[in-house]
Amino acid sequence: MTAPDPRQMATAREARLAGIVMAVTMLGWLGAQVVGGEMGWAPRFALLVDLAALAGFVWALVVTYRIWRKRRA
């Protein structure tokens, strides 16, 4: 059995990190929406949470696009 290619290992690490970021972002966003609704947070805090979640998803999208481009090359 041969050792895995270091480039493939790095790509797998990036993909795993992107998946974890997507999952944690979604769970954090959902949790913040529920807690904010129950506690009556001001809408500006909901907007702040939405923007933070959007930033996490954009980051994951960029990383996923980079992985896709690497695999096609």
PDB file of N, CA and C in Angstrom:
ATOM      1  N   MET A   1       0.848  -1.174   0.000  1.00  0.00           N
ATOM      2  CA  MET A   1       0.000   0.000   0.000  1.00  0.00           C
ATOM      3  C   MET A   1       0.894   1.238   0.000  1.00  0.00           C
ATOM      4  N   THR A   2       0.586   2.184  -0.857  1.00  0.00           N
ATOM      5  CA  THR A   2       1.406   3.385  -0.951  1.00  0.00           C
ATOM      6  C   THR A   2       0.891   4.468  -0.015  1.00  0.00           C
ATOM      7  N   ALA A   3       1.795   5.345   0.331  1.00  0.00           N
ATOM      8  CA  ALA A   3       1.424   6.470   1.204  1.00  0.00           C
ATOM      9  C   ALA A   3       0.612   7.475   0.400  1.00  0.00           C
ATOM     10  N   PRO A   4      -0.354   8.118   1.036  1.00  0.00           N
ATOM     11  CA  PRO A   4      -1.156   9.106   0.305  1.00  0.00           C
ATOM     12  C   PRO A   4      -0.319  10.318  -0.103  1.00  0.00           C
ATOM     13  N   ASP A   5      -0.705  10.890  -1.210  1.00  0.00           N
ATOM     14  CA  ASP A   5      -0.025  12.069  -1.732  1.00  0.00           C
ATOM     15  C   ASP A   5      -0.249  13.251  -0.775  1.00  0.00           C
ATOM     16  N   PRO A   6       0.799  13.996  -0.429  1.00  0.00           N
ATOM     17  CA  PRO A   6       0.622  15.135   0.480  1.00  0.00           C
ATOM     18  C   PRO A   6      -0.350  16.189  -0.041  1.00  0.00           C
ATOM     19  N   ARG A   7      -0.409  16.358  -1.367  1.00  0.00           N
ATOM     20  CA  ARG A   7      -1.364  17.322  -1.925  1.00  0.00           C
ATOM     21  C   ARG A   7      -2.798  16.861  -1.710  1.00  0.00           C
ATOM     22  N   GLN A   8      -3.030  15.561  -1.861  1.00  0.00           N
ATOM     23  CA  GLN A   8      -4.370  15.031  -1.624  1.00  0.00           C
ATOM     24  C   GLN A   8      -4.753  15.144  -0.150  1.00  0.00           C
ATOM     25  N   MET A   9      -3.788  14.941   0.724  1.00  0.00           N
ATOM     26  CA  MET A   9      -4.052  15.076   2.160  1.00  0.00           C
ATOM     27  C   MET A   9      -4.400  16.525   2.501  1.00  0.00           C
ATOM     28  N   ALA A  10      -3.692  17.478   1.904  1.00  0.00           N
ATOM     29  CA  ALA A  10      -3.973  18.886   2.155  1.00  0.00           C
ATOM     30  C   ALA A  10      -5.355  19.262   1.618  1.00  0.00           C
ATOM     31  N   THR A  11      -5.705  18.744   0.465  1.00  0.00           N
ATOM     32  CA  THR A  11      -7.028  19.010  -0.106  1.00  0.00           C
ATOM     33  C   THR A  11      -8.118  18.415   0.775  1.00  0.00           C
ATOM     34  N   ALA A  12      -7.895  17.210   1.260  1.00  0.00           N
ATOM     35  CA  ALA A  12      -8.881  16.571   2.142  1.00  0.00           C
ATOM     36  C   ALA A  12      -9.034  17.363   3.439  1.00  0.00           C
ATOM     37  N   ARG A  13      -7.937  17.880   3.961  1.00  0.00           N
ATOM     38  CA  ARG A  13      -7.986  18.696   5.182  1.00  0.00           C
ATOM     39  C   ARG A  13      -8.787  19.968   4.950  1.00  0.00           C
ATOM     40  N   GLU A  14      -8.561  20.613   3.802  1.00  0.00           N
ATOM     41  CA  GLU A  14      -9.309  21.831   3.473  1.00  0.00           C
ATOM     42  C   GLU A  14     -10.802  21.534   3.321  1.00  0.00           C
ATOM     43  N   ALA A  15     -11.120  20.425   2.662  1.00  0.00           N
ATOM     44  CA  ALA A  15     -12.525  20.059   2.469  1.00  0.00           C
ATOM     45  C   ALA A  15     -13.194  19.756   3.807  1.00  0.00           C
ATOM     46  N   ARG A  16     -12.486  19.064   4.680  1.00  0.00           N
ATOM     47  CA  ARG A  16     -13.025  18.761   6.005  1.00  0.00           C
ATOM     48  C   ARG A  16     -13.269  20.037   6.791  1.00  0.00           C
ATOM     49  N   LEU A  17     -12.326  20.966   6.722  1.00  0.00           N
ATOM     50  CA  LEU A  17     -12.474  22.236   7.427  1.00  0.00           C
ATOM     51  C   LEU A  17     -13.665  23.030   6.875  1.00  0.00           C
ATOM     52  N   ALA A  18     -13.822  23.042   5.559  1.00  0.00           N
ATOM     53  CA  ALA A  18     -14.955  23.754   4.962  1.00  0.00           C
ATOM     54  C   ALA A  18     -16.273  23.131   5.404  1.00  0.00           C
ATOM     55  N   GLY A  19     -16.336  21.812   5.455  1.00  0.00           N
ATOM     56  CA  GLY A  19     -17.549  21.142   5.906  1.00  0.00           C
ATOM     57  C   GLY A  19     -17.868  21.433   7.356  1.00  0.00           C
ATOM     58  N   ILE A  20     -16.834  21.447   8.195  1.00  0.00           N
ATOM     59  CA  ILE A  20     -17.038  21.752   9.613  1.00  0.00           C
ATOM     60  C   ILE A  20     -17.516  23.187   9.784  1.00  0.00           C
ATOM     61  N   VAL A  21     -16.910  24.104   9.042  1.00  0.00           N
ATOM     62  CA  VAL A  21     -17.323  25.514   9.133  1.00  0.00           C
ATOM     63  C   VAL A  21     -18.775  25.675   8.697  1.00  0.00           C
ATOM     64  N   MET A  22     -19.176  24.992   7.621  1.00  0.00           N
ATOM     65  CA  MET A  22     -20.563  25.085   7.173  1.00  0.00           C
ATOM     66  C   MET A  22     -21.529  24.550   8.230  1.00  0.00           C
ATOM     67  N   ALA A  23     -21.200  23.402   8.812  1.00  0.00           N
ATOM     68  CA  ALA A  23     -22.084  22.803   9.813  1.00  0.00           C
ATOM     69  C   ALA A  23     -22.169  23.661  11.071  1.00  0.00           C
ATOM     70  N   VAL A  24     -21.034  24.130  11.560  1.00  0.00           N
ATOM     71  CA  VAL A  24     -21.024  24.950  12.775  1.00  0.00           C
ATOM     72  C   VAL A  24     -21.723  26.290  12.533  1.00  0.00           C
ATOM     73  N   THR A  25     -21.512  26.858  11.353  1.00  0.00           N
ATOM     74  CA  THR A  25     -22.176  28.126  11.022  1.00  0.00           C
ATOM     75  C   THR A  25     -23.686  27.954  11.016  1.00  0.00           C
ATOM     76  N   MET A  26     -24.167  26.890  10.393  1.00  0.00           N
ATOM     77  CA  MET A  26     -25.614  26.674  10.322  1.00  0.00           C
ATOM     78  C   MET A  26     -26.192  26.421  11.715  1.00  0.00           C
ATOM     79  N   LEU A  27     -25.537  25.577  12.501  1.00  0.00           N
ATOM     80  CA  LEU A  27     -26.043  25.306  13.850  1.00  0.00           C
ATOM     81  C   LEU A  27     -25.989  26.549  14.728  1.00  0.00           C
ATOM     82  N   GLY A  28     -24.917  27.316  14.612  1.00  0.00           N
ATOM     83  CA  GLY A  28     -24.805  28.551  15.392  1.00  0.00           C
ATOM     84  C   GLY A  28     -25.853  29.566  14.995  1.00  0.00           C
ATOM     85  N   TRP A  29     -26.099  29.677  13.696  1.00  0.00           N
ATOM     86  CA  TRP A  29     -27.110  30.623  13.218  1.00  0.00           C
ATOM     87  C   TRP A  29     -28.503  30.221  13.693  1.00  0.00           C
ATOM     88  N   LEU A  30     -28.822  28.937  13.554  1.00  0.00           N
ATOM     89  CA  LEU A  30     -30.128  28.466  14.015  1.00  0.00           C
ATOM     90  C   LEU A  30     -30.288  28.659  15.521  1.00  0.00           C
ATOM     91  N   GLY A  31     -29.245  28.328  16.267  1.00  0.00           N
ATOM     92  CA  GLY A  31     -29.297  28.507  17.716  1.00  0.00           C
ATOM     93  C   GLY A  31     -29.473  29.961  18.110  1.00  0.00           C
ATOM     94  N   ALA A  32     -28.753  30.840  17.443  1.00  0.00           N
ATOM     95  CA  ALA A  32     -28.867  32.268  17.759  1.00  0.00           C
ATOM     96  C   ALA A  32     -30.249  32.802  17.409  1.00  0.00           C
ATOM     97  N   GLN A  33     -30.844  32.291  16.333  1.00  0.00           N
ATOM     98  CA  GLN A  33     -32.191  32.729  15.962  1.00  0.00           C
ATOM     99  C   GLN A  33     -33.211  32.297  17.016  1.00  0.00           C
ATOM    100  N   VAL A  34     -33.069  31.078  17.503  1.00  0.00           N
ATOM    101  CA  VAL A  34     -34.001  30.576  18.518  1.00  0.00           C
ATOM    102  C   VAL A  34     -33.819  31.341  19.825  1.00  0.00           C
ATOM    103  N   VAL A  35     -32.569  31.470  20.270  1.00  0.00           N
ATOM    104  CA  VAL A  35     -32.302  32.171  21.525  1.00  0.00           C
ATOM    105  C   VAL A  35     -32.706  33.638  21.422  1.00  0.00           C
ATOM    106  N   GLY A  36     -32.384  34.260  20.313  1.00  0.00           N
ATOM    107  CA  GLY A  36     -32.748  35.659  20.123  1.00  0.00           C
ATOM    108  C   GLY A  36     -34.250  35.875  20.118  1.00  0.00           C
ATOM    109  N   GLY A  37     -34.983  34.951  19.511  1.00  0.00           N
ATOM    110  CA  GLY A  37     -36.438  35.060  19.500  1.00  0.00           C
ATOM    111  C   GLY A  37     -37.040  34.870  20.883  1.00  0.00           C
ATOM    112  N   GLU A  38     -36.480  33.934  21.638  1.00  0.00           N
ATOM    113  CA  GLU A  38     -36.995  33.667  22.986  1.00  0.00           C
ATOM    114  C   GLU A  38     -36.672  34.806  23.953  1.00  0.00           C
ATOM    115  N   MET A  39     -35.502  35.402  23.782  1.00  0.00           N
ATOM    116  CA  MET A  39     -35.070  36.440  24.717  1.00  0.00           C
ATOM    117  C   MET A  39     -35.463  37.843  24.255  1.00  0.00           C
ATOM    118  N   GLY A  40     -36.018  37.956  23.071  1.00  0.00           N
ATOM    119  CA  GLY A  40     -36.470  39.252  22.584  1.00  0.00           C
ATOM    120  C   GLY A  40     -35.347  40.199  22.213  1.00  0.00           C
ATOM    121  N   TRP A  41     -34.280  39.652  21.615  1.00  0.00           N
ATOM    122  CA  TRP A  41     -33.175  40.505  21.197  1.00  0.00           C
ATOM    123  C   TRP A  41     -33.651  41.506  20.147  1.00  0.00           C
ATOM    124  N   ALA A  42     -32.981  42.631  20.103  1.00  0.00           N
ATOM    125  CA  ALA A  42     -33.296  43.661  19.105  1.00  0.00           C
ATOM    126  C   ALA A  42     -32.963  43.136  17.698  1.00  0.00           C
ATOM    127  N   PRO A  43     -33.673  43.617  16.693  1.00  0.00           N
ATOM    128  CA  PRO A  43     -33.419  43.161  15.312  1.00  0.00           C
ATOM    129  C   PRO A  43     -31.981  43.420  14.851  1.00  0.00           C
ATOM    130  N   ARG A  44     -31.332  44.421  15.391  1.00  0.00           N
ATOM    131  CA  ARG A  44     -29.953  44.677  14.947  1.00  0.00           C
ATOM    132  C   ARG A  44     -29.022  43.539  15.346  1.00  0.00           C
ATOM    133  N   PHE A  45     -29.316  42.847  16.457  1.00  0.00           N
ATOM    134  CA  PHE A  45     -28.499  41.693  16.836  1.00  0.00           C
ATOM    135  C   PHE A  45     -28.769  40.512  15.906  1.00  0.00           C
ATOM    136  N   ALA A  46     -30.018  40.360  15.482  1.00  0.00           N
ATOM    137  CA  ALA A  46     -30.341  39.319  14.512  1.00  0.00           C
ATOM    138  C   ALA A  46     -29.613  39.586  13.195  1.00  0.00           C
ATOM    139  N   LEU A  47     -29.566  40.846  12.800  1.00  0.00           N
ATOM    140  CA  LEU A  47     -28.840  41.201  11.580  1.00  0.00           C
ATOM    141  C   LEU A  47     -27.352  40.901  11.733  1.00  0.00           C
ATOM    142  N   LEU A  48     -26.803  41.180  12.885  1.00  0.00           N
ATOM    143  CA  LEU A  48     -25.392  40.893  13.139  1.00  0.00           C
ATOM    144  C   LEU A  48     -25.116  39.398  13.040  1.00  0.00           C
ATOM    145  N   VAL A  49     -25.992  38.592  13.612  1.00  0.00           N
ATOM    146  CA  VAL A  49     -25.842  37.131  13.528  1.00  0.00           C
ATOM    147  C   VAL A  49     -25.971  36.681  12.078  1.00  0.00           C
ATOM    148  N   ASP A  50     -26.919  37.241  11.347  1.00  0.00           N
ATOM    149  CA  ASP A  50     -27.091  36.900   9.928  1.00  0.00           C
ATOM    150  C   ASP A  50     -25.834  37.233   9.118  1.00  0.00           C
ATOM    151  N   LEU A  51     -25.258  38.386   9.375  1.00  0.00           N
ATOM    152  CA  LEU A  51     -24.049  38.777   8.645  1.00  0.00           C
ATOM    153  C   LEU A  51     -22.862  37.876   8.993  1.00  0.00           C
ATOM    154  N   ALA A  52     -22.751  37.493  10.246  1.00  0.00           N
ATOM    155  CA  ALA A  52     -21.682  36.574  10.648  1.00  0.00           C
ATOM    156  C   ALA A  52     -21.859  35.218   9.969  1.00  0.00           C
ATOM    157  N   ALA A  53     -23.095  34.735   9.909  1.00  0.00           N
ATOM    158  CA  ALA A  53     -23.362  33.460   9.237  1.00  0.00           C
ATOM    159  C   ALA A  53     -23.068  33.579   7.745  1.00  0.00           C
ATOM    160  N   LEU A  54     -23.446  34.686   7.158  1.00  0.00           N
ATOM    161  CA  LEU A  54     -23.167  34.899   5.741  1.00  0.00           C
ATOM    162  C   LEU A  54     -21.665  34.895   5.476  1.00  0.00           C
ATOM    163  N   ALA A  55     -20.900  35.514   6.359  1.00  0.00           N
ATOM    164  CA  ALA A  55     -19.446  35.520   6.202  1.00  0.00           C
ATOM    165  C   ALA A  55     -18.883  34.103   6.274  1.00  0.00           C
ATOM    166  N   GLY A  56     -19.390  33.302   7.202  1.00  0.00           N
ATOM    167  CA  GLY A  56     -18.935  31.915   7.307  1.00  0.00           C
ATOM    168  C   GLY A  56     -19.254  31.119   6.056  1.00  0.00           C
ATOM    169  N   PHE A  57     -20.455  31.303   5.511  1.00  0.00           N
ATOM    170  CA  PHE A  57     -20.832  30.577   4.304  1.00  0.00           C
ATOM    171  C   PHE A  57     -20.049  31.048   3.078  1.00  0.00           C
ATOM    172  N   VAL A  58     -19.785  32.325   2.980  1.00  0.00           N
ATOM    173  CA  VAL A  58     -18.983  32.833   1.857  1.00  0.00           C
ATOM    174  C   VAL A  58     -17.567  32.282   1.937  1.00  0.00           C
ATOM    175  N   TRP A  59     -17.006  32.245   3.134  1.00  0.00           N
ATOM    176  CA  TRP A  59     -15.659  31.686   3.302  1.00  0.00           C
ATOM    177  C   TRP A  59     -15.647  30.221   2.860  1.00  0.00           C
ATOM    178  N   ALA A  60     -16.636  29.444   3.309  1.00  0.00           N
ATOM    179  CA  ALA A  60     -16.701  28.033   2.936  1.00  0.00           C
ATOM    180  C   ALA A  60     -16.889  27.874   1.427  1.00  0.00           C
ATOM    181  N   LEU A  61     -17.672  28.757   0.812  1.00  0.00           N
ATOM    182  CA  LEU A  61     -17.863  28.698  -0.638  1.00  0.00           C
ATOM    183  C   LEU A  61     -16.552  28.969  -1.371  1.00  0.00           C
ATOM    184  N   VAL A  62     -15.793  29.941  -0.913  1.00  0.00           N
ATOM    185  CA  VAL A  62     -14.511  30.262  -1.544  1.00  0.00           C
ATOM    186  C   VAL A  62     -13.544  29.080  -1.407  1.00  0.00           C
ATOM    187  N   VAL A  63     -13.486  28.483  -0.233  1.00  0.00           N
ATOM    188  CA  VAL A  63     -12.598  27.336  -0.027  1.00  0.00           C
ATOM    189  C   VAL A  63     -13.034  26.166  -0.902  1.00  0.00           C
ATOM    190  N   THR A  64     -14.332  25.927  -0.979  1.00  0.00           N
ATOM    191  CA  THR A  64     -14.836  24.840  -1.812  1.00  0.00           C
ATOM    192  C   THR A  64     -14.522  25.090  -3.286  1.00  0.00           C
ATOM    193  N   TYR A  65     -14.651  26.327  -3.730  1.00  0.00           N
ATOM    194  CA  TYR A  65     -14.307  26.665  -5.115  1.00  0.00           C
ATOM    195  C   TYR A  65     -12.823  26.428  -5.376  1.00  0.00           C
ATOM    196  N   ARG A  66     -11.973  26.810  -4.426  1.00  0.00           N
ATOM    197  CA  ARG A  66     -10.534  26.576  -4.586  1.00  0.00           C
ATOM    198  C   ARG A  66     -10.226  25.088  -4.673  1.00  0.00           C
ATOM    199  N   ILE A  67     -10.898  24.277  -3.866  1.00  0.00           N
ATOM    200  CA  ILE A  67     -10.693  22.834  -3.909  1.00  0.00           C
ATOM    201  C   ILE A  67     -11.122  22.293  -5.272  1.00  0.00           C
ATOM    202  N   TRP A  68     -12.262  22.743  -5.753  1.00  0.00           N
ATOM    203  CA  TRP A  68     -12.758  22.300  -7.046  1.00  0.00           C
ATOM    204  C   TRP A  68     -11.766  22.646  -8.155  1.00  0.00           C
ATOM    205  N   ARG A  69     -11.217  23.869  -8.105  1.00  0.00           N
ATOM    206  CA  ARG A  69     -10.255  24.288  -9.123  1.00  0.00           C
ATOM    207  C   ARG A  69      -8.972  23.455  -9.048  1.00  0.00           C
ATOM    208  N   LYS A  70      -8.518  23.158  -7.828  1.00  0.00           N
ATOM    209  CA  LYS A  70      -7.312  22.336  -7.679  1.00  0.00           C
ATOM    210  C   LYS A  70      -7.512  20.946  -8.275  1.00  0.00           C
ATOM    211  N   ARG A  71      -8.668  20.371  -8.031  1.00  0.00           N
ATOM    212  CA  ARG A  71      -8.921  19.002  -8.497  1.00  0.00           C
ATOM    213  C   ARG A  71      -9.062  18.943 -10.015  1.00  0.00           C
ATOM    214  N   ARG A  72      -9.506  20.028 -10.625  1.00  0.00           N
ATOM    215  CA  ARG A  72      -9.643  20.050 -12.091  1.00  0.00           C
ATOM    216  C   ARG A  72      -8.289  20.252 -12.774  1.00  0.00           C
ATOM    217  N   ALA A  73      -7.342  20.851 -12.081  1.00  0.00           N
ATOM    218  CA  ALA A  73      -6.031  21.136 -12.687  1.00  0.00           C
ATOM    219  C   ALA A  73      -5.165  19.888 -12.778  1.00  0.00           C
TER     220      ALA A  73
END
